Amino acid sequence: MTDGKAQYADVTEFLDTVEFQDAALLSYVTSAIIVPTYDDIKRDFGIIRAEYLLLLCLSHFPVLTAQDVSRLTGRPRNSISRAVNRMLVEGYIERAPDPDDGRRSKLTITSSGRKLHKKVAKHMSIQQENILAALSPTERKTLAKLLRKTAIHAAER
């Protein structure tokens, strides 16, 4: 089925019958926001998901380790480590030894990294608004409250 109505029917049928409906719904909505946005980000800014997630985290915390970023994002440590190396080369982050633990490094975002983060965040926000436009402001607040509660519970596990 290739026309729009048929594709919609396929998706609806799938989401209505899948055994793990909540996870499938969350995944579908998240993918609708994330996948096209990261494709745009790679094309427009030359960075991949892990690299942006590193900038995102460092734009909200003054100093983090790669392990902190992995924990905050749920991304594997090896992908964050590769992101750290590339973002250092590009000048978007800086690294300093951790005086308390010689095996770790403290990471900070540079001004050029912060500028890039703001541009990318705008792309992500626009796509999020496009997908969530079907919800009223009250529904958006309820969704945010429920997702936050679920995310915190997931983080505690």
Protein backbone atom coordinates (compact mmCIF):
# COMPACT_ATOMS: atom_id res chain seq x y z
CA MET A 1 0.00 0.00 0.00
CA THR A 2 1.58 3.24 -1.09
CA ASP A 3 -1.02 5.98 -0.95
CA GLY A 4 -1.31 8.16 2.16
CA LYS A 5 -4.61 6.74 3.42
CA ALA A 6 -3.41 3.17 3.01
CA GLN A 7 -0.16 3.91 4.86
CA TYR A 8 -2.14 5.55 7.65
CA ALA A 9 -4.39 2.48 7.87
CA ASP A 10 -1.36 0.19 8.03
CA VAL A 11 0.21 2.20 10.83
CA THR A 12 -3.08 2.42 12.72
CA GLU A 13 -3.70 -1.31 12.44
CA PHE A 14 -0.17 -2.09 13.55
CA LEU A 15 -0.26 0.28 16.54
CA ASP A 16 -3.70 -0.99 17.55
CA THR A 17 -2.66 -4.65 17.49
CA VAL A 18 1.00 -4.73 18.56
CA GLU A 19 1.61 -6.70 21.76
CA PHE A 20 3.53 -3.88 23.47
CA GLN A 21 1.38 -0.97 22.43
CA ASP A 22 2.71 1.75 24.73
CA ALA A 23 6.32 1.09 23.73
CA ALA A 24 5.37 0.96 20.05
CA LEU A 25 3.48 4.25 20.30
CA LEU A 26 6.36 5.95 22.12
CA SER A 27 8.84 4.61 19.61
CA TYR A 28 6.76 5.69 16.62
CA VAL A 29 6.29 9.24 17.87
CA THR A 30 9.91 9.55 18.94
CA SER A 31 11.10 8.27 15.57
CA ALA A 32 8.83 10.73 13.78
CA ILE A 33 10.62 13.55 15.61
CA ILE A 34 14.15 12.21 15.87
CA VAL A 35 14.92 10.39 12.60
CA PRO A 36 14.19 13.17 10.09
CA THR A 37 15.74 15.75 12.38
CA TYR A 38 19.01 13.85 12.76
CA ASP A 39 19.08 13.33 9.00
CA ASP A 40 18.78 17.11 8.59
CA ILE A 41 21.38 17.75 11.28
CA LYS A 42 23.88 15.42 9.62
CA ARG A 43 23.27 17.04 6.24
CA ASP A 44 23.23 20.66 7.45
CA PHE A 45 25.81 20.60 10.25
CA GLY A 46 27.89 17.46 9.62
CA ILE A 47 27.35 15.92 13.04
CA ILE A 48 25.69 12.67 14.10
CA ARG A 49 23.33 11.87 16.96
CA ALA A 50 25.92 11.04 19.62
CA GLU A 51 27.86 14.19 18.81
CA TYR A 52 24.80 16.36 19.17
CA LEU A 53 23.73 14.60 22.38
CA LEU A 54 27.15 15.42 23.80
CA LEU A 55 26.66 19.11 22.96
CA LEU A 56 23.10 19.00 24.31
CA CYS A 57 24.19 17.64 27.68
CA LEU A 58 27.13 20.00 27.96
CA SER A 59 24.90 22.95 27.17
CA HIS A 60 22.83 22.14 30.28
CA PHE A 61 25.62 21.13 32.68
CA PRO A 62 28.83 23.15 33.02
CA VAL A 63 31.11 20.10 33.39
CA LEU A 64 30.49 16.42 32.65
CA THR A 65 32.45 13.25 32.00
CA ALA A 66 31.82 11.03 28.98
CA GLN A 67 30.31 8.51 31.41
CA ASP A 68 27.89 11.19 32.66
CA VAL A 69 26.78 11.88 29.08
CA SER A 70 26.27 8.18 28.44
CA ARG A 71 24.14 7.89 31.58
CA LEU A 72 22.08 11.01 30.77
CA THR A 73 21.38 9.98 27.18
CA GLY A 74 21.23 6.21 27.40
CA ARG A 75 23.77 6.01 24.56
CA PRO A 76 26.60 3.45 24.67
CA ARG A 77 29.86 4.71 26.13
CA ASN A 78 31.82 3.83 23.00
CA SER A 79 29.61 6.06 20.82
CA ILE A 80 29.98 8.91 23.31
CA SER A 81 33.76 8.39 23.39
CA ARG A 82 33.92 8.67 19.59
CA ALA A 83 31.74 11.78 19.80
CA VAL A 84 34.08 13.31 22.40
CA ASN A 85 37.09 12.73 20.15
CA ARG A 86 35.43 14.29 17.10
CA MET A 87 33.96 17.26 19.00
CA LEU A 88 37.40 17.97 20.48
CA VAL A 89 38.95 18.03 17.00
CA GLU A 90 36.15 20.30 15.72
CA GLY A 91 36.61 22.67 18.67
CA TYR A 92 33.07 22.28 20.02
CA ILE A 93 34.18 20.95 23.42
CA GLU A 94 37.25 21.08 25.64
CA ARG A 95 38.71 18.39 27.88
CA ALA A 96 40.69 18.70 31.10
CA PRO A 97 42.01 15.98 33.41
CA ASP A 98 39.88 15.21 36.45
CA PRO A 99 42.09 16.05 39.46
CA ASP A 100 40.14 13.56 41.60
CA ASP A 101 40.43 10.64 39.17
CA GLY A 102 43.24 10.48 36.63
CA ARG A 103 41.29 7.98 34.51
CA ARG A 104 38.53 10.48 33.74
CA SER A 105 38.38 13.78 31.94
CA LYS A 106 36.11 16.72 32.54
CA LEU A 107 34.33 18.00 29.46
CA THR A 108 33.02 21.51 28.79
CA ILE A 109 31.33 23.08 25.79
CA THR A 110 33.03 25.91 23.89
CA SER A 111 31.30 29.01 22.57
CA SER A 112 31.26 27.52 19.05
CA GLY A 113 29.76 24.32 20.49
CA ARG A 114 27.08 26.34 22.24
CA LYS A 115 26.25 28.18 19.00
CA LEU A 116 25.95 24.90 17.13
CA HIS A 117 23.75 23.45 19.88
CA LYS A 118 21.35 26.40 19.58
CA LYS A 119 21.03 25.93 15.82
CA VAL A 120 20.42 22.19 16.14
CA ALA A 121 17.99 22.62 19.03
CA LYS A 122 15.92 24.92 16.84
CA HIS A 123 15.63 22.16 14.22
CA MET A 124 14.60 19.65 16.87
CA SER A 125 12.04 22.03 18.39
CA ILE A 126 10.42 22.71 15.02
CA GLN A 127 10.05 18.99 14.26
CA GLN A 128 8.70 18.36 17.76
CA GLU A 129 6.11 21.09 17.31
CA ASN A 130 5.10 19.71 13.91
CA ILE A 131 4.48 16.23 15.31
CA LEU A 132 2.83 17.31 18.57
CA ALA A 133 0.60 19.93 16.90
CA ALA A 134 -2.27 17.44 17.05
CA LEU A 135 -2.46 17.97 20.83
CA SER A 136 -4.14 20.82 22.65
CA PRO A 137 -2.07 22.82 25.17
CA THR A 138 -3.71 20.88 28.02
CA GLU A 139 -2.94 17.57 26.33
CA ARG A 140 0.67 18.69 25.80
CA LYS A 141 1.03 19.46 29.51
CA THR A 142 -0.46 16.09 30.42
CA LEU A 143 1.80 14.27 27.96
CA ALA A 144 4.88 16.06 29.30
CA LYS A 145 3.91 15.23 32.88
CA LEU A 146 3.36 11.54 32.08
CA LEU A 147 6.52 11.22 29.99
CA ARG A 148 8.60 12.91 32.69
CA LYS A 149 7.19 10.56 35.34
CA THR A 150 7.94 7.56 33.13
CA ALA A 151 11.44 8.78 32.27
CA ILE A 152 12.33 9.29 35.94
CA HIS A 153 11.03 5.82 36.76
CA ALA A 154 13.11 4.37 33.91
CA ALA A 155 16.22 6.21 35.16
CA GLU A 156 15.75 4.74 38.64
CA ARG A 157 15.80 1.16 37.33
